[in-house]
Protein backbone atom coordinates (compact mmCIF):
# COMPACT_ATOMS: atom_id res chain seq x y z
CA MET A 1 15.06 -16.89 -63.80
CA LYS A 2 11.25 -17.47 -65.24
CA ALA A 3 10.41 -14.68 -63.21
CA ALA A 4 7.66 -13.51 -60.88
CA VAL A 5 3.36 -12.88 -60.18
CA ARG A 6 0.34 -11.58 -62.37
CA GLY A 7 -1.42 -8.41 -60.43
CA THR A 8 -2.24 -7.17 -57.13
CA VAL A 9 -5.76 -8.45 -57.62
CA VAL A 10 -4.16 -11.71 -57.87
CA ALA A 11 -1.86 -11.31 -55.21
CA THR A 12 -4.57 -10.33 -53.25
CA ALA A 13 -6.78 -12.81 -53.24
CA LEU A 14 -4.01 -15.71 -53.40
CA VAL A 15 -2.14 -14.16 -50.51
CA PHE A 16 -4.48 -16.60 -48.17
CA ALA A 17 -3.46 -19.38 -49.74
CA LEU A 18 -1.59 -21.35 -47.00
CA ALA A 19 -0.93 -25.18 -46.30
CA GLY A 20 2.13 -26.89 -45.03
CA CYS A 21 5.55 -26.06 -44.20
CA GLY A 22 8.93 -28.84 -44.22
CA THR A 23 12.22 -28.91 -45.61
CA GLU A 24 13.82 -28.77 -48.97
CA GLY A 25 17.88 -29.02 -49.26
CA ASP A 26 20.20 -26.33 -48.68
CA PRO A 27 19.84 -22.27 -49.13
CA ALA A 28 20.03 -20.91 -52.66
CA PRO A 29 22.74 -18.80 -53.97
CA GLY A 30 22.82 -15.73 -53.17
CA SER A 31 20.79 -15.93 -49.87
CA THR A 32 23.42 -14.90 -47.38
CA LYS A 33 22.23 -12.70 -44.61
CA PRO A 34 23.11 -9.12 -45.20
CA ALA A 35 24.81 -6.55 -43.30
CA ALA A 36 22.44 -5.02 -40.55
CA VAL A 37 20.61 -1.68 -40.94
CA PRO A 38 18.93 0.73 -38.57
CA GLY A 39 15.94 -0.26 -37.23
CA ALA A 40 16.20 -3.97 -36.30
CA ASN A 41 15.39 -5.02 -33.34
CA GLN A 42 17.07 -6.95 -30.38
CA GLN A 43 15.83 -10.66 -29.35
CA GLY A 44 15.33 -11.25 -25.60
CA ALA A 45 12.24 -12.54 -23.49
CA GLU A 46 9.23 -12.87 -25.10
CA GLN A 47 6.47 -10.60 -24.75
CA GLY A 48 2.75 -11.70 -24.34
CA GLY A 49 4.03 -15.37 -25.08
CA GLU A 50 3.67 -18.46 -23.50
CA GLN A 51 7.05 -19.51 -22.52
CA GLY A 52 7.81 -17.14 -19.50
CA ALA A 53 9.67 -14.51 -18.13
CA ASP A 54 13.36 -16.12 -18.46
CA ALA A 55 12.26 -17.25 -22.70
CA PRO A 56 14.39 -15.47 -25.34
CA ARG A 57 12.38 -12.89 -26.58
CA PRO A 58 11.61 -13.62 -30.39
CA LEU A 59 12.60 -11.61 -32.91
CA MET A 60 10.79 -7.84 -33.66
CA LEU A 61 11.19 -5.06 -36.30
CA ASP A 62 9.81 -1.67 -35.79
CA ALA A 63 8.32 0.18 -39.08
CA THR A 64 12.32 1.20 -40.15
CA GLY A 65 13.35 -2.07 -39.87
CA LEU A 66 10.48 -3.66 -41.88
CA LEU A 67 11.16 -1.33 -44.52
CA ASN A 68 14.99 -2.21 -44.36
CA ALA A 69 14.01 -5.93 -44.62
CA LEU A 70 12.49 -5.85 -47.84
CA PRO A 71 14.89 -7.60 -50.57
CA ILE A 72 16.33 -5.60 -53.11
CA GLU A 73 16.45 -6.89 -56.59
CA SER A 74 19.73 -7.83 -57.28
CA GLN A 75 19.10 -10.59 -54.68
CA VAL A 76 16.17 -11.81 -56.40
CA GLY A 77 17.28 -12.24 -59.59
CA ASP A 78 19.69 -9.68 -62.43
CA VAL A 79 16.64 -9.38 -64.54
CA MET A 80 14.47 -8.44 -61.61
CA VAL A 81 12.99 -4.58 -61.69
CA GLY A 82 10.69 -3.25 -58.50
CA GLY A 83 8.83 -0.11 -57.90
CA ASP A 84 8.97 1.60 -54.69
CA PRO A 85 8.73 -0.15 -51.26
CA PHE A 86 6.19 1.25 -48.85
CA VAL A 87 5.37 1.10 -44.96
CA VAL A 88 2.43 1.86 -42.68
CA GLN A 89 2.24 2.37 -38.92
CA GLU A 90 -0.44 1.98 -36.17
CA GLY A 91 -4.17 2.49 -37.39
CA GLU A 92 -3.20 2.89 -40.69
CA ALA A 93 -1.43 -0.24 -40.86
CA ALA A 94 -4.17 -2.04 -39.49
CA GLU A 95 -6.72 -0.51 -42.02
CA TYR A 96 -3.93 -1.97 -44.65
CA CYS A 97 -3.90 -5.06 -43.21
CA ALA A 98 -7.43 -5.68 -42.85
CA GLN A 99 -7.89 -4.55 -46.72
CA GLU A 100 -5.29 -6.40 -47.97
CA GLU A 101 -5.66 -9.53 -45.99
CA GLY A 102 -9.42 -9.68 -44.70
CA ILE A 103 -8.38 -11.11 -41.34
CA SER A 104 -7.99 -9.78 -38.24
CA CYS A 105 -4.79 -8.09 -37.46
CA ALA A 106 -4.51 -7.55 -33.57
CA GLY A 107 -1.25 -6.30 -32.25
CA LEU A 108 -0.32 -5.23 -35.89
CA VAL A 109 2.86 -2.77 -34.99
CA ALA A 110 3.74 -1.61 -38.78
CA ALA A 111 3.73 -3.73 -42.73
CA SER A 112 5.38 -2.92 -45.70
CA GLY A 113 5.84 -4.16 -49.13
CA LYS A 114 7.29 -4.17 -52.64
CA ASP A 115 6.68 -5.93 -55.74
CA MET A 116 9.32 -6.44 -58.58
CA GLU A 117 8.95 -8.05 -62.15
CA ALA A 118 10.97 -9.36 -65.04
CA ARG A 119 12.68 -6.02 -66.73
CA GLY A 120 10.38 -5.46 -69.38
CA ASN A 121 8.31 -8.17 -67.97
CA SER A 122 8.91 -10.01 -71.35
CA ASP A 123 7.32 -13.48 -69.73
CA GLY A 124 4.73 -11.89 -66.97
CA ALA A 125 7.07 -13.13 -64.02
CA ARG A 126 6.22 -11.38 -61.09
CA VAL A 127 7.05 -11.20 -57.04
CA GLU A 128 5.03 -9.37 -54.14
CA PHE A 129 7.21 -9.30 -50.86
CA ARG A 130 5.02 -8.43 -47.85
CA LEU A 131 6.30 -7.79 -44.24
CA PHE A 132 3.77 -7.37 -40.86
CA SER A 133 5.35 -6.96 -37.46
CA PHE A 134 3.25 -7.79 -34.10
CA GLU A 135 3.53 -7.09 -30.86
CA THR A 136 4.00 -10.56 -29.90
CA ALA A 137 4.96 -14.10 -31.27
CA ASP A 138 1.51 -15.18 -30.50
CA GLN A 139 -0.23 -12.09 -32.44
CA ALA A 140 1.98 -13.22 -35.43
CA LYS A 141 0.93 -16.74 -34.42
CA ALA A 142 -2.73 -16.24 -34.86
CA ALA A 143 -2.20 -14.26 -37.78
CA MET A 144 -0.72 -17.35 -39.72
CA LYS A 145 -3.50 -19.80 -38.28
CA SER A 146 -6.48 -17.22 -39.64
CA GLN A 147 -4.75 -17.35 -42.84
CA VAL A 148 -4.96 -20.63 -42.89
CA ASP A 149 -8.52 -21.51 -42.09
CA ARG A 150 -9.68 -18.71 -44.39
CA TRP A 151 -7.39 -20.45 -47.33
CA ARG A 152 -9.13 -23.86 -46.29
CA LYS A 153 -12.42 -22.62 -46.54
CA ALA A 154 -11.87 -20.53 -49.83
CA ASP A 155 -9.91 -23.38 -51.20
CA ALA A 156 -12.86 -25.86 -50.53
CA SER A 157 -15.14 -23.83 -52.09
CA SER A 158 -13.14 -23.60 -55.54
CA GLY A 159 -12.78 -27.25 -56.11
CA GLY A 160 -9.43 -27.51 -53.85
CA ARG A 161 -6.91 -26.63 -56.44
CA TRP A 162 -4.08 -25.76 -54.50
CA GLN A 163 -1.37 -27.78 -53.56
CA GLN A 164 0.00 -27.88 -50.36
CA LYS A 165 4.47 -27.27 -51.28
CA THR A 166 7.36 -27.81 -49.04
CA VAL A 167 9.74 -25.10 -48.95
CA ASP A 168 13.01 -24.73 -46.63
CA SER A 169 12.93 -20.78 -45.95
CA GLY A 170 14.54 -20.81 -42.78
CA ALA A 171 11.96 -19.19 -40.68
CA ASP A 172 10.42 -20.35 -37.36
CA GLU A 173 6.81 -21.45 -39.62
CA THR A 174 6.38 -21.71 -43.31
CA GLU A 175 3.57 -22.55 -44.98
CA ALA A 176 3.64 -22.64 -48.99
CA VAL A 177 1.18 -23.74 -51.97
CA ARG A 178 0.56 -23.59 -55.71
CA ASP A 179 -2.13 -23.48 -58.11
CA ASP A 180 -0.28 -25.02 -61.13
CA GLU A 181 -3.80 -23.61 -63.07
CA VAL A 182 -2.35 -20.23 -62.81
CA ASP A 183 1.04 -20.70 -62.43
CA VAL A 184 1.08 -18.58 -58.63
CA ASP A 185 2.89 -20.02 -55.44
CA VAL A 186 2.37 -18.32 -52.20
CA VAL A 187 4.61 -18.42 -49.43
CA VAL A 188 3.91 -17.15 -45.56
CA MET A 189 6.33 -17.27 -43.12
CA ARG A 190 6.46 -16.86 -39.38
CA LEU A 191 10.19 -15.04 -37.56
CA GLY A 192 9.35 -14.51 -34.09
CA THR A 193 6.83 -11.58 -34.63
CA VAL A 194 7.60 -10.72 -38.16
CA VAL A 195 4.89 -12.32 -40.55
CA ALA A 196 6.30 -12.26 -44.41
CA HIS A 197 4.27 -13.19 -47.82
CA ILE A 198 5.57 -14.03 -51.02
CA VAL A 199 2.92 -14.16 -54.37
CA ALA A 200 4.90 -15.18 -57.19
CA SER A 201 3.71 -16.14 -60.46
CA ASP A 202 5.68 -17.88 -63.42
CA VAL A 203 8.58 -18.30 -61.47
CA LEU A 204 10.41 -21.47 -61.59
CA PRO A 205 10.05 -23.67 -58.12
CA ASP A 206 13.94 -23.24 -57.46
CA ASN A 207 13.83 -19.32 -57.88
CA VAL A 208 10.28 -18.83 -55.38
CA ARG A 209 12.28 -21.04 -52.49
CA HIS A 210 15.40 -18.64 -53.46
CA SER A 211 13.15 -15.78 -53.00
CA ALA A 212 12.02 -16.81 -49.63
CA VAL A 213 15.30 -17.77 -48.29
CA VAL A 214 16.19 -14.16 -49.08
CA GLN A 215 13.51 -12.97 -47.31
CA ALA A 216 13.98 -14.68 -44.66
CA SER A 217 17.54 -13.98 -44.01
CA GLN A 218 16.97 -10.17 -44.30
CA VAL A 219 14.03 -10.26 -41.56
CA GLN A 220 16.72 -12.48 -39.36
CA ALA A 221 19.95 -10.12 -39.95
CA LEU A 222 17.92 -7.32 -38.74
CA GLY A 223 16.18 -8.91 -36.10
CA GLU A 224 19.51 -10.26 -34.52
CA THR A 225 20.90 -6.82 -34.18
CA GLY A 226 20.04 -3.26 -33.51
CA SER A 227 17.89 -2.20 -30.56
CA ARG A 228 13.79 -2.70 -30.29
CA GLY A 229 12.57 0.23 -31.23
CA TYR A 230 8.86 0.19 -30.39
């Protein structure tokens, strides 16, 4: 595995780089859904959405589910090692979202994250995972749109270096871009009320996609079992 991102400063600056969705082949090996764990939320009638009371509720995760939904190193690659995962809730989550994303995070319930890098960091590879859980799917959609709009403005001012990419993650929505100059990929996905960010540097395209599939599968597996929790 060519591994994954060049640091928190780069990740924070590039996490807004969103611009395209699509389909690209079958899921990568190792992307099967993991067993459910506590903290998941059951699907049901949509909260605050556009479809009315009879529509199925979107996937939801509480803070515990958001923490458990973060991938483990062996799912991403044999050479990957990682730091401790974290989770923040309520006011602390809103403050974290505003500082990290620089966008409106209305309706945010919790946020979690974990960073991984190649063992010994011999090739500079790094992957950063971030998850954000909202009260409604509409709020999650609005957060993604805000990120896309911010990326377009930032990309235009920097000369348009970001290239739209197609990543089939299995999520409800997927946005992906790449900056070849610094070898960084950004993938942002929405699964129900959960928004997932992946920032990877020095990682081969197939491994970027595999990381996205693993993350989406983790969130989906937790969201399909358990109880609401908030």
